[in-house]
Amino acid sequence: MSVAYFRSLARNNAWANATLFETVCALPKGVYHREFPSFFGTLARTLNHIYEVDLYYIDALLGGGKGRAIFRREDIDEPFALAAAQREADAALIAACDGLADADLPRSVTVERPDGPSQERTDHLLLHLFQHQIHHRGQVHALLSQAGVAPPQLDEFFLVWDRAETAKPYWKDGTE
């Protein structure tokens, strides 16, 4: 595996989040905070969880030192504000991946856990972060369906054939 793979995943991640928030920010009043049968109960809490875990792992990746203190933040209750915060986190993740060299991938990263620090490989931490994003964006997708809102297509990024027009700017780094 090379850093080009992770750079592409970071860009896909940013595009998928932007695409999802485009739909979320257009929701009818009340839907963002409506309770649904789901793990987090609302779109707001699910999207805040995605954002918060992004902050946690990006901090670990960059050696920021905030650790679990990130989980003491207040949820962002307004979808436009959360979308802006998620864009910043996505940009930080892209920058972090762009700053990696292949030799950095097996490097150990310290992650603060409830029972003490753990050591994770950089590539494994990134794979986990991207999988976490995909998993919970799927939950948001299902919540939108439950709300009677057509969820956006989130899998039209990598293939040239049928690539979403909105995905094309994310390929600006020439990895296509």
C-alpha atoms as a PDB file:
ATOM      1  CA  MET A   1       0.000   0.000   0.000  1.00  0.00           C
ATOM      2  CA  SER A   2       1.250   3.493  -0.769  1.00  0.00           C
ATOM      3  CA  VAL A   3       0.387   6.955   0.466  1.00  0.00           C
ATOM      4  CA  ALA A   4      -1.391   7.608  -2.857  1.00  0.00           C
ATOM      5  CA  TYR A   5      -4.072   5.171  -1.682  1.00  0.00           C
ATOM      6  CA  PHE A   6      -4.634   7.095   1.555  1.00  0.00           C
ATOM      7  CA  ARG A   7      -4.588  10.441  -0.234  1.00  0.00           C
ATOM      8  CA  SER A   8      -7.366   9.179  -2.497  1.00  0.00           C
ATOM      9  CA  LEU A   9      -9.362   7.871   0.477  1.00  0.00           C
ATOM     10  CA  ALA A  10      -9.019  11.212   2.258  1.00  0.00           C
ATOM     11  CA  ARG A  11     -10.359  13.036  -0.796  1.00  0.00           C
ATOM     12  CA  ASN A  12     -13.193  10.529  -1.204  1.00  0.00           C
ATOM     13  CA  ASN A  13     -14.011  11.009   2.459  1.00  0.00           C
ATOM     14  CA  ALA A  14     -14.166  14.809   2.086  1.00  0.00           C
ATOM     15  CA  TRP A  15     -16.351  14.548  -1.017  1.00  0.00           C
ATOM     16  CA  ALA A  16     -18.735  12.056   0.626  1.00  0.00           C
ATOM     17  CA  ASN A  17     -19.087  14.257   3.707  1.00  0.00           C
ATOM     18  CA  ALA A  18     -19.708  17.368   1.586  1.00  0.00           C
ATOM     19  CA  THR A  19     -22.280  15.473  -0.487  1.00  0.00           C
ATOM     20  CA  LEU A  20     -24.043  14.190   2.608  1.00  0.00           C
ATOM     21  CA  PHE A  21     -24.106  17.605   4.279  1.00  0.00           C
ATOM     22  CA  GLU A  22     -25.577  19.160   1.130  1.00  0.00           C
ATOM     23  CA  THR A  23     -28.645  16.988   1.715  1.00  0.00           C
ATOM     24  CA  VAL A  24     -28.610  17.400   5.507  1.00  0.00           C
ATOM     25  CA  CYS A  25     -28.452  21.197   5.287  1.00  0.00           C
ATOM     26  CA  ALA A  26     -31.510  21.201   3.022  1.00  0.00           C
ATOM     27  CA  LEU A  27     -33.656  19.134   5.407  1.00  0.00           C
ATOM     28  CA  PRO A  28     -37.080  20.382   6.437  1.00  0.00           C
ATOM     29  CA  LYS A  29     -37.168  22.037   9.853  1.00  0.00           C
ATOM     30  CA  GLY A  30     -37.064  19.577  12.726  1.00  0.00           C
ATOM     31  CA  VAL A  31     -35.703  16.557  10.845  1.00  0.00           C
ATOM     32  CA  TYR A  32     -32.073  17.132  11.900  1.00  0.00           C
ATOM     33  CA  HIS A  33     -32.985  16.643  15.581  1.00  0.00           C
ATOM     34  CA  ARG A  34     -35.872  14.176  15.156  1.00  0.00           C
ATOM     35  CA  GLU A  35     -35.516  10.911  17.063  1.00  0.00           C
ATOM     36  CA  PHE A  36     -35.292   7.747  14.962  1.00  0.00           C
ATOM     37  CA  PRO A  37     -34.668   4.129  15.920  1.00  0.00           C
ATOM     38  CA  SER A  38     -30.907   4.087  15.447  1.00  0.00           C
ATOM     39  CA  PHE A  39     -27.652   3.819  17.368  1.00  0.00           C
ATOM     40  CA  PHE A  40     -27.338   7.562  18.070  1.00  0.00           C
ATOM     41  CA  GLY A  41     -31.025   8.428  17.708  1.00  0.00           C
ATOM     42  CA  THR A  42     -30.760  11.547  15.553  1.00  0.00           C
ATOM     43  CA  LEU A  43     -28.968  12.792  12.485  1.00  0.00           C
ATOM     44  CA  ALA A  44     -27.389  15.520  14.619  1.00  0.00           C
ATOM     45  CA  ARG A  45     -25.881  13.098  17.128  1.00  0.00           C
ATOM     46  CA  THR A  46     -24.703  10.685  14.415  1.00  0.00           C
ATOM     47  CA  LEU A  47     -23.004  13.432  12.407  1.00  0.00           C
ATOM     48  CA  ASN A  48     -21.457  14.892  15.567  1.00  0.00           C
ATOM     49  CA  HIS A  49     -20.075  11.448  16.394  1.00  0.00           C
ATOM     50  CA  ILE A  50     -18.445  11.196  12.979  1.00  0.00           C
ATOM     51  CA  TYR A  51     -16.899  14.639  13.399  1.00  0.00           C
ATOM     52  CA  GLU A  52     -15.727  14.002  16.949  1.00  0.00           C
ATOM     53  CA  VAL A  53     -14.023  10.711  16.109  1.00  0.00           C
ATOM     54  CA  ASP A  54     -12.367  12.398  13.122  1.00  0.00           C
ATOM     55  CA  LEU A  55     -10.951  15.042  15.468  1.00  0.00           C
ATOM     56  CA  TYR A  56      -9.738  12.338  17.861  1.00  0.00           C
ATOM     57  CA  TYR A  57      -7.860  10.312  15.256  1.00  0.00           C
ATOM     58  CA  ILE A  58      -6.537  13.311  13.321  1.00  0.00           C
ATOM     59  CA  ASP A  59      -5.174  14.648  16.625  1.00  0.00           C
ATOM     60  CA  ALA A  60      -3.479  11.295  17.300  1.00  0.00           C
ATOM     61  CA  LEU A  61      -2.102  11.141  13.753  1.00  0.00           C
ATOM     62  CA  LEU A  62      -0.624  14.630  14.052  1.00  0.00           C
ATOM     63  CA  GLY A  63       0.565  14.151  17.638  1.00  0.00           C
ATOM     64  CA  GLY A  64      -1.635  17.033  18.772  1.00  0.00           C
ATOM     65  CA  GLY A  65      -1.826  15.876  22.376  1.00  0.00           C
ATOM     66  CA  LYS A  66      -5.539  16.524  22.956  1.00  0.00           C
ATOM     67  CA  GLY A  67      -6.341  12.844  23.253  1.00  0.00           C
ATOM     68  CA  ARG A  68      -9.629  11.943  24.906  1.00  0.00           C
ATOM     69  CA  ALA A  69     -10.257  15.579  25.917  1.00  0.00           C
ATOM     70  CA  ILE A  70     -11.755  15.918  22.433  1.00  0.00           C
ATOM     71  CA  PHE A  71     -14.741  13.909  23.659  1.00  0.00           C
ATOM     72  CA  ARG A  72     -15.614  16.609  26.202  1.00  0.00           C
ATOM     73  CA  ARG A  73     -16.643  19.076  23.508  1.00  0.00           C
ATOM     74  CA  GLU A  74     -20.228  20.242  23.047  1.00  0.00           C
ATOM     75  CA  ASP A  75     -22.181  18.931  20.076  1.00  0.00           C
ATOM     76  CA  ILE A  76     -22.696  21.351  17.219  1.00  0.00           C
ATOM     77  CA  ASP A  77     -26.475  21.672  17.021  1.00  0.00           C
ATOM     78  CA  GLU A  78     -26.787  23.535  13.732  1.00  0.00           C
ATOM     79  CA  PRO A  79     -26.168  21.561  10.498  1.00  0.00           C
ATOM     80  CA  PHE A  80     -24.469  24.405   8.582  1.00  0.00           C
ATOM     81  CA  ALA A  81     -22.002  24.962  11.435  1.00  0.00           C
ATOM     82  CA  LEU A  82     -21.287  21.233  11.694  1.00  0.00           C
ATOM     83  CA  ALA A  83     -20.816  21.031   7.922  1.00  0.00           C
ATOM     84  CA  ALA A  84     -18.226  23.838   8.125  1.00  0.00           C
ATOM     85  CA  ALA A  85     -16.431  22.145  11.024  1.00  0.00           C
ATOM     86  CA  GLN A  86     -16.423  18.813   9.167  1.00  0.00           C
ATOM     87  CA  ARG A  87     -14.958  20.525   6.075  1.00  0.00           C
ATOM     88  CA  GLU A  88     -12.101  21.820   8.256  1.00  0.00           C
ATOM     89  CA  ALA A  89     -11.486  18.353   9.697  1.00  0.00           C
ATOM     90  CA  ASP A  90     -11.584  16.838   6.207  1.00  0.00           C
ATOM     91  CA  ALA A  91      -9.067  19.426   4.967  1.00  0.00           C
ATOM     92  CA  ALA A  92      -6.792  18.610   7.915  1.00  0.00           C
ATOM     93  CA  LEU A  93      -7.019  14.905   7.103  1.00  0.00           C
ATOM     94  CA  ILE A  94      -6.194  15.527   3.446  1.00  0.00           C
ATOM     95  CA  ALA A  95      -3.224  17.674   4.475  1.00  0.00           C
ATOM     96  CA  ALA A  96      -2.049  14.984   6.909  1.00  0.00           C
ATOM     97  CA  CYS A  97      -2.254  12.301   4.213  1.00  0.00           C
ATOM     98  CA  ASP A  98      -0.549  14.574   1.675  1.00  0.00           C
ATOM     99  CA  GLY A  99       2.275  15.061   4.170  1.00  0.00           C
ATOM    100  CA  LEU A 100       2.934  11.340   4.556  1.00  0.00           C
ATOM    101  CA  ALA A 101       5.625   9.377   2.778  1.00  0.00           C
ATOM    102  CA  ASP A 102       5.388   5.639   2.158  1.00  0.00           C
ATOM    103  CA  ALA A 103       7.953   5.089   4.921  1.00  0.00           C
ATOM    104  CA  ASP A 104       5.557   6.750   7.420  1.00  0.00           C
ATOM    105  CA  LEU A 105       2.784   4.184   6.953  1.00  0.00           C
ATOM    106  CA  PRO A 106       4.143   1.529   9.341  1.00  0.00           C
ATOM    107  CA  ARG A 107       5.191   4.243  11.842  1.00  0.00           C
ATOM    108  CA  SER A 108       3.662   3.921  15.300  1.00  0.00           C
ATOM    109  CA  VAL A 109       1.138   6.518  16.465  1.00  0.00           C
ATOM    110  CA  THR A 110       0.135   6.915  20.109  1.00  0.00           C
ATOM    111  CA  VAL A 111      -3.626   6.898  20.690  1.00  0.00           C
ATOM    112  CA  GLU A 112      -4.918   7.797  24.148  1.00  0.00           C
ATOM    113  CA  ARG A 113      -7.455   5.179  25.255  1.00  0.00           C
ATOM    114  CA  PRO A 114      -9.602   5.017  28.423  1.00  0.00           C
ATOM    115  CA  ASP A 115      -7.202   2.445  29.896  1.00  0.00           C
ATOM    116  CA  GLY A 116      -4.014   4.175  28.760  1.00  0.00           C
ATOM    117  CA  PRO A 117      -2.131   4.834  25.535  1.00  0.00           C
ATOM    118  CA  SER A 118      -2.044   2.316  22.715  1.00  0.00           C
ATOM    119  CA  GLN A 119       0.318   2.163  19.769  1.00  0.00           C
ATOM    120  CA  GLU A 120      -1.206   1.888  16.312  1.00  0.00           C
ATOM    121  CA  ARG A 121       0.383   1.817  12.884  1.00  0.00           C
ATOM    122  CA  THR A 122      -0.319   4.953  10.882  1.00  0.00           C
ATOM    123  CA  ASP A 123      -1.807   2.997   7.976  1.00  0.00           C
ATOM    124  CA  HIS A 124      -4.044   0.971  10.301  1.00  0.00           C
ATOM    125  CA  LEU A 125      -5.245   4.105  12.098  1.00  0.00           C
ATOM    126  CA  LEU A 126      -6.140   5.684   8.761  1.00  0.00           C
ATOM    127  CA  LEU A 127      -7.913   2.561   7.531  1.00  0.00           C
ATOM    128  CA  HIS A 128      -9.914   2.470  10.755  1.00  0.00           C
ATOM    129  CA  LEU A 129     -10.812   6.159  10.440  1.00  0.00           C
ATOM    130  CA  PHE A 130     -12.046   5.749   6.875  1.00  0.00           C
ATOM    131  CA  GLN A 131     -14.010   2.614   7.778  1.00  0.00           C
ATOM    132  CA  HIS A 132     -15.564   4.452  10.725  1.00  0.00           C
ATOM    133  CA  GLN A 133     -16.640   7.256   8.405  1.00  0.00           C
ATOM    134  CA  ILE A 134     -18.177   4.853   5.886  1.00  0.00           C
ATOM    135  CA  HIS A 135     -19.988   2.912   8.605  1.00  0.00           C
ATOM    136  CA  HIS A 136     -21.627   5.952  10.178  1.00  0.00           C
ATOM    137  CA  ARG A 137     -22.361   7.724   6.886  1.00  0.00           C
ATOM    138  CA  GLY A 138     -24.344   4.585   6.072  1.00  0.00           C
ATOM    139  CA  GLN A 139     -26.336   5.150   9.241  1.00  0.00           C
ATOM    140  CA  VAL A 140     -27.002   8.759   8.210  1.00  0.00           C
ATOM    141  CA  HIS A 141     -28.075   7.460   4.801  1.00  0.00           C
ATOM    142  CA  ALA A 142     -30.602   5.156   6.493  1.00  0.00           C
ATOM    143  CA  LEU A 143     -31.855   7.943   8.779  1.00  0.00           C
ATOM    144  CA  LEU A 144     -32.478  10.166   5.782  1.00  0.00           C
ATOM    145  CA  SER A 145     -34.519   7.362   4.223  1.00  0.00           C
ATOM    146  CA  GLN A 146     -36.495   6.993   7.468  1.00  0.00           C
ATOM    147  CA  ALA A 147     -37.187  10.731   7.336  1.00  0.00           C
ATOM    148  CA  GLY A 148     -38.598  10.363   3.824  1.00  0.00           C
ATOM    149  CA  VAL A 149     -35.667  12.230   2.271  1.00  0.00           C
ATOM    150  CA  ALA A 150     -33.834  10.768  -0.708  1.00  0.00           C
ATOM    151  CA  PRO A 151     -30.280  10.111   0.487  1.00  0.00           C
ATOM    152  CA  PRO A 152     -27.469  11.167  -1.836  1.00  0.00           C
ATOM    153  CA  GLN A 153     -25.400   8.764  -3.903  1.00  0.00           C
ATOM    154  CA  LEU A 154     -22.057   8.365  -2.113  1.00  0.00           C
ATOM    155  CA  ASP A 155     -20.273   5.778  -4.242  1.00  0.00           C
ATOM    156  CA  GLU A 156     -19.596   7.684  -7.444  1.00  0.00           C
ATOM    157  CA  PHE A 157     -16.079   8.858  -6.691  1.00  0.00           C
ATOM    158  CA  PHE A 158     -13.369   6.470  -7.849  1.00  0.00           C
ATOM    159  CA  LEU A 159     -14.453   5.203 -11.263  1.00  0.00           C
ATOM    160  CA  VAL A 160     -14.112   7.488 -14.260  1.00  0.00           C
ATOM    161  CA  TRP A 161     -17.333   6.082 -15.672  1.00  0.00           C
ATOM    162  CA  ASP A 162     -20.286   7.718 -13.902  1.00  0.00           C
ATOM    163  CA  ARG A 163     -18.107   9.771 -11.531  1.00  0.00           C
ATOM    164  CA  ALA A 164     -20.199  12.485  -9.906  1.00  0.00           C
ATOM    165  CA  GLU A 165     -19.423  15.921 -11.319  1.00  0.00           C
ATOM    166  CA  THR A 166     -19.066  17.159  -7.749  1.00  0.00           C
ATOM    167  CA  ALA A 167     -16.264  14.615  -7.159  1.00  0.00           C
ATOM    168  CA  LYS A 168     -14.053  15.868  -9.964  1.00  0.00           C
ATOM    169  CA  PRO A 169     -12.547  18.831  -8.029  1.00  0.00           C
ATOM    170  CA  TYR A 170     -11.358  16.400  -5.355  1.00  0.00           C
ATOM    171  CA  TRP A 171      -9.125  14.706  -7.946  1.00  0.00           C
ATOM    172  CA  LYS A 172      -7.057  17.886  -8.412  1.00  0.00           C
ATOM    173  CA  ASP A 173      -3.915  16.222  -7.068  1.00  0.00           C
ATOM    174  CA  GLY A 174      -3.517  14.226 -10.286  1.00  0.00           C
ATOM    175  CA  THR A 175      -3.876  10.754  -8.787  1.00  0.00           C
ATOM    176  CA  GLU A 176      -6.527   9.834 -11.332  1.00  0.00           C
END
